[in-house]
Amino acid sequence: MSDFDRTDTPPRSEGPASLVSDVMRLSSDLVRKEIALAKAEVSENISRAGHGIGFIAVAGVIALVTLNVLVAALVAALAETSLGPIWSAVIVGVVLAILAFILLKKGLNDLKLRSLMPTRTVDSVQRDAHAIKEAYHDK
């Protein structure tokens, strides 16, 4: 029984045509895998952007509540001379303003274009290109 009978594929010659065929097949597989990786990474980044938009929306709502509290503090300051309720409203307003600021910064940070870029895919493609260059320079 020959080698050809024992395997599913015929023996490959190491000629230029075989080498080109292997390069084309491997390149095609590599491109498909990189596209799948890019899709997954972009999907993850879009999800993070959605969270960023959510933080911005919550920051907007808290900012409105903060304005209401600060306006109520101003009204109380004008209506009363007692410092208890006024300072209470001011403290609550300041705490809400700080919270709104933190959420706004977090949301804006998540929406930066740099954070939406598929950096892992770019790095992987660069590594693959380097490996292919090295493999064919050695032959």
C-alpha atoms as a PDB file:
ATOM      1  CA  MET A   1       0.000   0.000   0.000  1.00  0.00           C
ATOM      2  CA  SER A   2       1.428   3.377  -0.960  1.00  0.00           C
ATOM      3  CA  ASP A   3       1.493   6.588   1.088  1.00  0.00           C
ATOM      4  CA  PHE A   4      -1.192   7.974  -1.191  1.00  0.00           C
ATOM      5  CA  ASP A   5      -3.593   5.134  -0.297  1.00  0.00           C
ATOM      6  CA  ARG A   6      -3.183   5.600   3.460  1.00  0.00           C
ATOM      7  CA  THR A   7      -4.055   9.297   3.603  1.00  0.00           C
ATOM      8  CA  ASP A   8      -7.030  11.368   2.511  1.00  0.00           C
ATOM      9  CA  THR A   9      -4.931  13.917   0.663  1.00  0.00           C
ATOM     10  CA  PRO A  10      -2.309  13.301  -1.971  1.00  0.00           C
ATOM     11  CA  PRO A  11       1.303  13.999  -1.024  1.00  0.00           C
ATOM     12  CA  ARG A  12       2.162  17.639  -1.572  1.00  0.00           C
ATOM     13  CA  SER A  13       5.001  18.690  -3.697  1.00  0.00           C
ATOM     14  CA  GLU A  14       7.115  21.476  -2.343  1.00  0.00           C
ATOM     15  CA  GLY A  15       7.063  23.402  -5.604  1.00  0.00           C
ATOM     16  CA  PRO A  16       6.176  27.056  -6.079  1.00  0.00           C
ATOM     17  CA  ALA A  17       2.563  26.262  -7.003  1.00  0.00           C
ATOM     18  CA  SER A  18       2.077  24.350  -3.758  1.00  0.00           C
ATOM     19  CA  LEU A  19       3.678  27.143  -1.777  1.00  0.00           C
ATOM     20  CA  VAL A  20       1.423  29.754  -3.398  1.00  0.00           C
ATOM     21  CA  SER A  21      -1.601  27.548  -2.754  1.00  0.00           C
ATOM     22  CA  ASP A  22      -0.648  27.189   0.913  1.00  0.00           C
ATOM     23  CA  VAL A  23      -0.112  30.935   1.252  1.00  0.00           C
ATOM     24  CA  MET A  24      -3.499  31.674  -0.309  1.00  0.00           C
ATOM     25  CA  ARG A  25      -5.293  29.137   1.893  1.00  0.00           C
ATOM     26  CA  LEU A  26      -3.571  30.278   5.078  1.00  0.00           C
ATOM     27  CA  SER A  27      -4.083  33.934   4.218  1.00  0.00           C
ATOM     28  CA  SER A  28      -7.767  33.318   3.583  1.00  0.00           C
ATOM     29  CA  ASP A  29      -8.147  31.504   6.915  1.00  0.00           C
ATOM     30  CA  LEU A  30      -6.242  34.263   8.673  1.00  0.00           C
ATOM     31  CA  VAL A  31      -8.392  36.996   7.146  1.00  0.00           C
ATOM     32  CA  ARG A  32     -11.592  35.166   8.149  1.00  0.00           C
ATOM     33  CA  LYS A  33     -10.369  34.770  11.722  1.00  0.00           C
ATOM     34  CA  GLU A  34      -9.250  38.387  11.952  1.00  0.00           C
ATOM     35  CA  ILE A  35     -12.623  39.585  10.648  1.00  0.00           C
ATOM     36  CA  ALA A  36     -14.396  37.483  13.279  1.00  0.00           C
ATOM     37  CA  LEU A  37     -12.118  38.922  15.972  1.00  0.00           C
ATOM     38  CA  ALA A  38     -12.741  42.465  14.736  1.00  0.00           C
ATOM     39  CA  LYS A  39     -16.518  41.906  14.790  1.00  0.00           C
ATOM     40  CA  ALA A  40     -16.382  40.610  18.356  1.00  0.00           C
ATOM     41  CA  GLU A  41     -14.182  43.484  19.512  1.00  0.00           C
ATOM     42  CA  VAL A  42     -16.320  46.146  17.818  1.00  0.00           C
ATOM     43  CA  SER A  43     -19.436  44.588  19.366  1.00  0.00           C
ATOM     44  CA  GLU A  44     -17.793  44.757  22.806  1.00  0.00           C
ATOM     45  CA  ASN A  45     -16.782  48.385  22.228  1.00  0.00           C
ATOM     46  CA  ILE A  46     -20.290  49.330  21.086  1.00  0.00           C
ATOM     47  CA  SER A  47     -21.647  47.755  24.254  1.00  0.00           C
ATOM     48  CA  ARG A  48     -19.226  49.868  26.311  1.00  0.00           C
ATOM     49  CA  ALA A  49     -20.357  52.959  24.362  1.00  0.00           C
ATOM     50  CA  GLY A  50     -23.942  52.100  25.261  1.00  0.00           C
ATOM     51  CA  HIS A  51     -22.955  52.060  28.906  1.00  0.00           C
ATOM     52  CA  GLY A  52     -21.257  55.441  28.400  1.00  0.00           C
ATOM     53  CA  ILE A  53     -24.465  56.873  26.964  1.00  0.00           C
ATOM     54  CA  GLY A  54     -26.340  55.456  29.945  1.00  0.00           C
ATOM     55  CA  PHE A  55     -23.938  57.180  32.364  1.00  0.00           C
ATOM     56  CA  ILE A  56     -24.418  60.468  30.504  1.00  0.00           C
ATOM     57  CA  ALA A  57     -28.205  60.110  30.692  1.00  0.00           C
ATOM     58  CA  VAL A  58     -28.078  59.374  34.434  1.00  0.00           C
ATOM     59  CA  ALA A  59     -25.707  62.328  34.901  1.00  0.00           C
ATOM     60  CA  GLY A  60     -28.226  64.552  33.105  1.00  0.00           C
ATOM     61  CA  VAL A  61     -31.067  63.430  35.357  1.00  0.00           C
ATOM     62  CA  ILE A  62     -28.940  63.910  38.481  1.00  0.00           C
ATOM     63  CA  ALA A  63     -27.864  67.337  37.214  1.00  0.00           C
ATOM     64  CA  LEU A  64     -31.539  68.343  36.911  1.00  0.00           C
ATOM     65  CA  VAL A  65     -32.235  67.113  40.420  1.00  0.00           C
ATOM     66  CA  THR A  66     -29.140  68.996  41.585  1.00  0.00           C
ATOM     67  CA  LEU A  67     -30.413  72.209  40.050  1.00  0.00           C
ATOM     68  CA  ASN A  68     -33.771  71.696  41.771  1.00  0.00           C
ATOM     69  CA  VAL A  69     -32.084  71.157  45.129  1.00  0.00           C
ATOM     70  CA  LEU A  70     -29.808  74.193  44.699  1.00  0.00           C
ATOM     71  CA  VAL A  71     -32.746  76.353  43.635  1.00  0.00           C
ATOM     72  CA  ALA A  72     -34.700  75.112  46.654  1.00  0.00           C
ATOM     73  CA  ALA A  73     -31.694  76.059  48.820  1.00  0.00           C
ATOM     74  CA  LEU A  74     -31.664  79.541  47.360  1.00  0.00           C
ATOM     75  CA  VAL A  75     -35.396  79.914  47.933  1.00  0.00           C
ATOM     76  CA  ALA A  76     -35.019  78.667  51.497  1.00  0.00           C
ATOM     77  CA  ALA A  77     -32.138  81.116  52.047  1.00  0.00           C
ATOM     78  CA  LEU A  78     -34.284  83.979  50.914  1.00  0.00           C
ATOM     79  CA  ALA A  79     -37.352  82.833  52.820  1.00  0.00           C
ATOM     80  CA  GLU A  80     -35.746  81.997  56.143  1.00  0.00           C
ATOM     81  CA  THR A  81     -32.936  83.268  58.250  1.00  0.00           C
ATOM     82  CA  SER A  82     -32.261  79.908  59.947  1.00  0.00           C
ATOM     83  CA  LEU A  83     -29.144  78.168  58.596  1.00  0.00           C
ATOM     84  CA  GLY A  84     -30.211  74.543  59.277  1.00  0.00           C
ATOM     85  CA  PRO A  85     -32.401  73.762  56.240  1.00  0.00           C
ATOM     86  CA  ILE A  86     -30.357  76.000  53.932  1.00  0.00           C
ATOM     87  CA  TRP A  87     -27.042  74.338  54.580  1.00  0.00           C
ATOM     88  CA  SER A  88     -28.703  70.933  54.408  1.00  0.00           C
ATOM     89  CA  ALA A  89     -30.003  71.698  50.927  1.00  0.00           C
ATOM     90  CA  VAL A  90     -26.629  73.105  49.857  1.00  0.00           C
ATOM     91  CA  ILE A  91     -24.790  70.012  51.088  1.00  0.00           C
ATOM     92  CA  VAL A  92     -27.206  67.678  49.280  1.00  0.00           C
ATOM     93  CA  GLY A  93     -26.922  69.802  46.133  1.00  0.00           C
ATOM     94  CA  VAL A  94     -23.117  69.752  46.213  1.00  0.00           C
ATOM     95  CA  VAL A  95     -23.003  65.981  46.746  1.00  0.00           C
ATOM     96  CA  LEU A  96     -25.385  65.430  43.811  1.00  0.00           C
ATOM     97  CA  ALA A  97     -23.330  67.801  41.647  1.00  0.00           C
ATOM     98  CA  ILE A  98     -20.152  65.847  42.430  1.00  0.00           C
ATOM     99  CA  LEU A  99     -21.914  62.564  41.611  1.00  0.00           C
ATOM    100  CA  ALA A 100     -23.222  63.985  38.314  1.00  0.00           C
ATOM    101  CA  PHE A 101     -19.718  65.195  37.410  1.00  0.00           C
ATOM    102  CA  ILE A 102     -18.183  61.772  38.086  1.00  0.00           C
ATOM    103  CA  LEU A 103     -20.818  59.986  35.990  1.00  0.00           C
ATOM    104  CA  LEU A 104     -20.468  62.501  33.165  1.00  0.00           C
ATOM    105  CA  LYS A 105     -16.664  62.085  33.051  1.00  0.00           C
ATOM    106  CA  LYS A 106     -17.031  58.280  33.087  1.00  0.00           C
ATOM    107  CA  GLY A 107     -19.578  58.381  30.252  1.00  0.00           C
ATOM    108  CA  LEU A 108     -17.512  60.738  28.117  1.00  0.00           C
ATOM    109  CA  ASN A 109     -14.391  58.647  28.721  1.00  0.00           C
ATOM    110  CA  ASP A 110     -16.200  55.501  27.519  1.00  0.00           C
ATOM    111  CA  LEU A 111     -17.263  57.313  24.334  1.00  0.00           C
ATOM    112  CA  LYS A 112     -13.794  58.422  23.237  1.00  0.00           C
ATOM    113  CA  LEU A 113     -12.970  57.222  19.722  1.00  0.00           C
ATOM    114  CA  ARG A 114      -9.737  55.653  20.975  1.00  0.00           C
ATOM    115  CA  SER A 115     -11.698  53.299  23.268  1.00  0.00           C
ATOM    116  CA  LEU A 116     -13.930  52.184  20.376  1.00  0.00           C
ATOM    117  CA  MET A 117     -10.998  51.178  18.159  1.00  0.00           C
ATOM    118  CA  PRO A 118     -10.466  47.391  17.818  1.00  0.00           C
ATOM    119  CA  THR A 119      -6.907  47.589  19.192  1.00  0.00           C
ATOM    120  CA  ARG A 120      -6.544  43.880  19.954  1.00  0.00           C
ATOM    121  CA  THR A 121      -7.431  43.044  16.354  1.00  0.00           C
ATOM    122  CA  VAL A 122      -4.979  45.604  14.986  1.00  0.00           C
ATOM    123  CA  ASP A 123      -2.226  44.176  17.200  1.00  0.00           C
ATOM    124  CA  SER A 124      -3.114  40.634  16.148  1.00  0.00           C
ATOM    125  CA  VAL A 125      -3.040  41.515  12.434  1.00  0.00           C
ATOM    126  CA  GLN A 126       0.349  43.186  12.861  1.00  0.00           C
ATOM    127  CA  ARG A 127       1.714  40.113  14.667  1.00  0.00           C
ATOM    128  CA  ASP A 128       0.318  37.827  11.952  1.00  0.00           C
ATOM    129  CA  ALA A 129       1.829  39.936   9.171  1.00  0.00           C
ATOM    130  CA  HIS A 130       5.192  39.890  10.927  1.00  0.00           C
ATOM    131  CA  ALA A 131       5.006  36.101  11.406  1.00  0.00           C
ATOM    132  CA  ILE A 132       4.150  35.560   7.734  1.00  0.00           C
ATOM    133  CA  LYS A 133       7.041  37.773   6.645  1.00  0.00           C
ATOM    134  CA  GLU A 134       9.437  35.894   8.936  1.00  0.00           C
ATOM    135  CA  ALA A 135       8.178  32.479   7.770  1.00  0.00           C
ATOM    136  CA  TYR A 136       8.679  33.251   4.089  1.00  0.00           C
ATOM    137  CA  HIS A 137      11.981  35.042   4.553  1.00  0.00           C
ATOM    138  CA  ASP A 138      13.347  31.892   6.190  1.00  0.00           C
ATOM    139  CA  LYS A 139      12.485  29.699   3.148  1.00  0.00           C
END
